[in-house]
Amino acid sequence: MNQIGMVTDYIDPAERVVATTVKDRQEGLGSLFGNLFSFFNLIAFIALLLGGVGVASSVQVYLRERRSTLALLRCLG
């Protein structure tokens, strides 16, 4: 019998004591960091998309303002 089993034999079930091992804690912590990493990847992807939309909008405004100049330069060759 392992040590946790021996300890739980002496604990009254009414006390609601939970015994966990280091391995259980490591797995839980690994899962937490995995979820956190996925969340940060999602945030980074959204930020990248918003940045792309901002750049596209800026280029569109710039080209709209310069349209007449560009048309004249094309006509003149």
N, C-alpha and C. Protein backbone atom coordinates (compact mmCIF):
# COMPACT_ATOMS: atom_id res chain seq x y z
N MET A 1 0.85 -1.18 0.00
CA MET A 1 0.00 0.00 0.00
C MET A 1 0.89 1.24 0.00
N ASN A 2 0.50 2.25 -0.79
CA ASN A 2 1.33 3.46 -0.85
C ASN A 2 1.07 4.36 0.36
N GLN A 3 1.87 5.38 0.47
CA GLN A 3 1.79 6.25 1.66
C GLN A 3 0.49 7.03 1.71
N ILE A 4 -0.02 7.44 0.56
CA ILE A 4 -1.28 8.18 0.57
C ILE A 4 -2.41 7.28 1.05
N GLY A 5 -2.41 6.05 0.62
CA GLY A 5 -3.42 5.12 1.09
C GLY A 5 -3.36 4.92 2.59
N MET A 6 -2.15 4.88 3.13
CA MET A 6 -2.00 4.72 4.58
C MET A 6 -2.50 5.95 5.32
N VAL A 7 -2.25 7.13 4.77
CA VAL A 7 -2.70 8.37 5.42
C VAL A 7 -4.22 8.46 5.37
N THR A 8 -4.81 8.12 4.24
CA THR A 8 -6.26 8.24 4.13
C THR A 8 -6.99 7.24 5.02
N ASP A 9 -6.32 6.19 5.44
CA ASP A 9 -6.95 5.26 6.38
C ASP A 9 -7.18 5.91 7.74
N TYR A 10 -6.34 6.86 8.10
CA TYR A 10 -6.44 7.51 9.41
C TYR A 10 -7.33 8.76 9.40
N ILE A 11 -7.74 9.21 8.23
CA ILE A 11 -8.54 10.43 8.13
C ILE A 11 -10.02 10.06 8.12
N ASP A 12 -10.78 10.77 8.91
CA ASP A 12 -12.22 10.56 8.98
C ASP A 12 -12.86 11.08 7.69
N PRO A 13 -13.70 10.30 7.01
CA PRO A 13 -14.32 10.75 5.76
C PRO A 13 -15.16 12.01 5.92
N ALA A 14 -15.65 12.28 7.10
CA ALA A 14 -16.47 13.47 7.33
C ALA A 14 -15.63 14.75 7.27
N GLU A 15 -14.32 14.63 7.38
CA GLU A 15 -13.46 15.82 7.36
C GLU A 15 -13.23 16.36 5.95
N ARG A 16 -13.53 15.57 4.94
CA ARG A 16 -13.41 15.97 3.53
C ARG A 16 -12.00 16.45 3.18
N VAL A 17 -11.02 15.68 3.50
CA VAL A 17 -9.64 15.98 3.17
C VAL A 17 -9.31 15.28 1.86
N VAL A 18 -8.68 16.01 0.96
CA VAL A 18 -8.30 15.47 -0.34
C VAL A 18 -6.79 15.39 -0.40
N ALA A 19 -6.27 14.22 -0.73
CA ALA A 19 -4.82 14.04 -0.84
C ALA A 19 -4.47 13.93 -2.32
N THR A 20 -3.50 14.74 -2.75
CA THR A 20 -3.04 14.70 -4.13
C THR A 20 -1.53 14.51 -4.15
N THR A 21 -1.05 13.99 -5.25
CA THR A 21 0.38 13.77 -5.39
C THR A 21 1.00 14.91 -6.20
N VAL A 22 2.30 14.95 -6.20
CA VAL A 22 3.02 15.96 -6.98
C VAL A 22 2.72 15.77 -8.46
N LYS A 23 2.63 14.53 -8.90
CA LYS A 23 2.35 14.24 -10.30
C LYS A 23 0.98 14.80 -10.70
N ASP A 24 -0.02 14.65 -9.83
CA ASP A 24 -1.34 15.20 -10.11
C ASP A 24 -1.27 16.72 -10.24
N ARG A 25 -0.54 17.35 -9.36
CA ARG A 25 -0.38 18.81 -9.41
C ARG A 25 0.35 19.24 -10.68
N GLN A 26 1.36 18.49 -11.08
CA GLN A 26 2.12 18.82 -12.29
C GLN A 26 1.23 18.72 -13.52
N GLU A 27 0.40 17.70 -13.57
CA GLU A 27 -0.50 17.54 -14.71
C GLU A 27 -1.51 18.69 -14.76
N GLY A 28 -2.03 19.07 -13.61
CA GLY A 28 -2.97 20.19 -13.55
C GLY A 28 -2.32 21.49 -13.96
N LEU A 29 -1.10 21.70 -13.50
CA LEU A 29 -0.37 22.92 -13.84
C LEU A 29 -0.01 22.93 -15.33
N GLY A 30 0.37 21.78 -15.86
CA GLY A 30 0.66 21.68 -17.29
C GLY A 30 -0.56 22.00 -18.13
N SER A 31 -1.71 21.53 -17.71
CA SER A 31 -2.95 21.82 -18.41
C SER A 31 -3.27 23.31 -18.35
N LEU A 32 -3.05 23.91 -17.19
CA LEU A 32 -3.30 25.34 -17.02
C LEU A 32 -2.42 26.15 -17.96
N PHE A 33 -1.13 25.83 -18.01
CA PHE A 33 -0.21 26.57 -18.88
C PHE A 33 -0.54 26.32 -20.35
N GLY A 34 -0.99 25.13 -20.69
CA GLY A 34 -1.40 24.86 -22.06
C GLY A 34 -2.59 25.72 -22.47
N ASN A 35 -3.57 25.83 -21.59
CA ASN A 35 -4.73 26.68 -21.87
C ASN A 35 -4.34 28.15 -21.95
N LEU A 36 -3.45 28.57 -21.07
CA LEU A 36 -2.98 29.96 -21.08
C LEU A 36 -2.23 30.26 -22.38
N PHE A 37 -1.40 29.33 -22.82
CA PHE A 37 -0.67 29.50 -24.08
C PHE A 37 -1.64 29.62 -25.25
N SER A 38 -2.67 28.80 -25.27
CA SER A 38 -3.68 28.86 -26.34
C SER A 38 -4.41 30.20 -26.32
N PHE A 39 -4.73 30.69 -25.13
CA PHE A 39 -5.41 31.98 -25.01
C PHE A 39 -4.54 33.11 -25.54
N PHE A 40 -3.26 33.11 -25.18
CA PHE A 40 -2.36 34.16 -25.66
C PHE A 40 -2.16 34.07 -27.17
N ASN A 41 -2.14 32.86 -27.72
CA ASN A 41 -2.06 32.72 -29.17
C ASN A 41 -3.29 33.31 -29.85
N LEU A 42 -4.45 33.10 -29.28
CA LEU A 42 -5.68 33.66 -29.83
C LEU A 42 -5.64 35.18 -29.78
N ILE A 43 -5.21 35.74 -28.66
CA ILE A 43 -5.11 37.19 -28.52
C ILE A 43 -4.12 37.76 -29.54
N ALA A 44 -2.98 37.08 -29.73
CA ALA A 44 -1.98 37.54 -30.70
C ALA A 44 -2.54 37.50 -32.12
N PHE A 45 -3.29 36.46 -32.44
CA PHE A 45 -3.89 36.35 -33.78
C PHE A 45 -4.90 37.47 -34.02
N ILE A 46 -5.72 37.77 -33.02
CA ILE A 46 -6.70 38.85 -33.15
C ILE A 46 -5.99 40.19 -33.31
N ALA A 47 -4.92 40.41 -32.55
CA ALA A 47 -4.15 41.66 -32.67
C ALA A 47 -3.53 41.78 -34.06
N LEU A 48 -3.05 40.67 -34.60
CA LEU A 48 -2.48 40.68 -35.95
C LEU A 48 -3.54 41.02 -36.99
N LEU A 49 -4.72 40.45 -36.85
CA LEU A 49 -5.80 40.77 -37.78
C LEU A 49 -6.21 42.24 -37.70
N LEU A 50 -6.32 42.76 -36.49
CA LEU A 50 -6.69 44.17 -36.33
C LEU A 50 -5.61 45.08 -36.89
N GLY A 51 -4.35 44.72 -36.72
CA GLY A 51 -3.26 45.50 -37.29
C GLY A 51 -3.32 45.51 -38.81
N GLY A 52 -3.62 44.35 -39.40
CA GLY A 52 -3.76 44.27 -40.86
C GLY A 52 -4.90 45.12 -41.37
N VAL A 53 -6.01 45.11 -40.66
CA VAL A 53 -7.16 45.94 -41.05
C VAL A 53 -6.78 47.42 -40.96
N GLY A 54 -6.04 47.79 -39.93
CA GLY A 54 -5.61 49.18 -39.78
C GLY A 54 -4.69 49.62 -40.90
N VAL A 55 -3.75 48.78 -41.27
CA VAL A 55 -2.83 49.11 -42.37
C VAL A 55 -3.60 49.21 -43.68
N ALA A 56 -4.50 48.28 -43.94
CA ALA A 56 -5.29 48.31 -45.17
C ALA A 56 -6.15 49.57 -45.24
N SER A 57 -6.72 49.96 -44.12
CA SER A 57 -7.52 51.18 -44.08
C SER A 57 -6.67 52.41 -44.36
N SER A 58 -5.49 52.46 -43.79
CA SER A 58 -4.59 53.60 -44.01
C SER A 58 -4.17 53.69 -45.47
N VAL A 59 -3.86 52.57 -46.08
CA VAL A 59 -3.46 52.56 -47.50
C VAL A 59 -4.63 52.99 -48.37
N GLN A 60 -5.83 52.55 -48.04
CA GLN A 60 -7.00 52.93 -48.82
C GLN A 60 -7.25 54.43 -48.75
N VAL A 61 -7.14 55.02 -47.58
CA VAL A 61 -7.33 56.46 -47.43
C VAL A 61 -6.25 57.21 -48.19
N TYR A 62 -5.01 56.76 -48.10
CA TYR A 62 -3.91 57.40 -48.82
C TYR A 62 -4.13 57.36 -50.32
N LEU A 63 -4.53 56.20 -50.83
CA LEU A 63 -4.75 56.08 -52.28
C LEU A 63 -5.95 56.89 -52.74
N ARG A 64 -6.97 56.99 -51.92
CA ARG A 64 -8.14 57.79 -52.28
C ARG A 64 -7.76 59.27 -52.40
N GLU A 65 -6.89 59.74 -51.50
CA GLU A 65 -6.45 61.13 -51.55
C GLU A 65 -5.54 61.38 -52.75
N ARG A 66 -4.76 60.40 -53.14
CA ARG A 66 -3.78 60.57 -54.21
C ARG A 66 -4.29 60.11 -55.58
N ARG A 67 -5.56 59.75 -55.67
CA ARG A 67 -6.09 59.18 -56.91
C ARG A 67 -5.95 60.13 -58.10
N SER A 68 -6.27 61.39 -57.91
CA SER A 68 -6.19 62.33 -59.04
C SER A 68 -4.75 62.51 -59.50
N THR A 69 -3.82 62.57 -58.58
CA THR A 69 -2.41 62.70 -58.95
C THR A 69 -1.93 61.47 -59.70
N LEU A 70 -2.30 60.31 -59.22
CA LEU A 70 -1.90 59.07 -59.89
C LEU A 70 -2.51 58.97 -61.29
N ALA A 71 -3.75 59.40 -61.44
CA ALA A 71 -4.41 59.36 -62.75
C ALA A 71 -3.70 60.29 -63.73
N LEU A 72 -3.32 61.48 -63.27
CA LEU A 72 -2.61 62.43 -64.12
C LEU A 72 -1.25 61.87 -64.54
N LEU A 73 -0.53 61.26 -63.62
CA LEU A 73 0.77 60.68 -63.94
C LEU A 73 0.64 59.54 -64.93
N ARG A 74 -0.41 58.76 -64.85
CA ARG A 74 -0.62 57.67 -65.80
C ARG A 74 -0.94 58.21 -67.19
N CYS A 75 -1.71 59.27 -67.22
CA CYS A 75 -2.06 59.86 -68.53
C CYS A 75 -0.83 60.45 -69.22
N LEU A 76 0.05 61.05 -68.44
CA LEU A 76 1.24 61.67 -69.02
C LEU A 76 2.31 60.65 -69.36
N GLY A 77 2.21 59.50 -68.79
CA GLY A 77 3.15 58.43 -69.12
C GLY A 77 4.33 58.48 -68.25
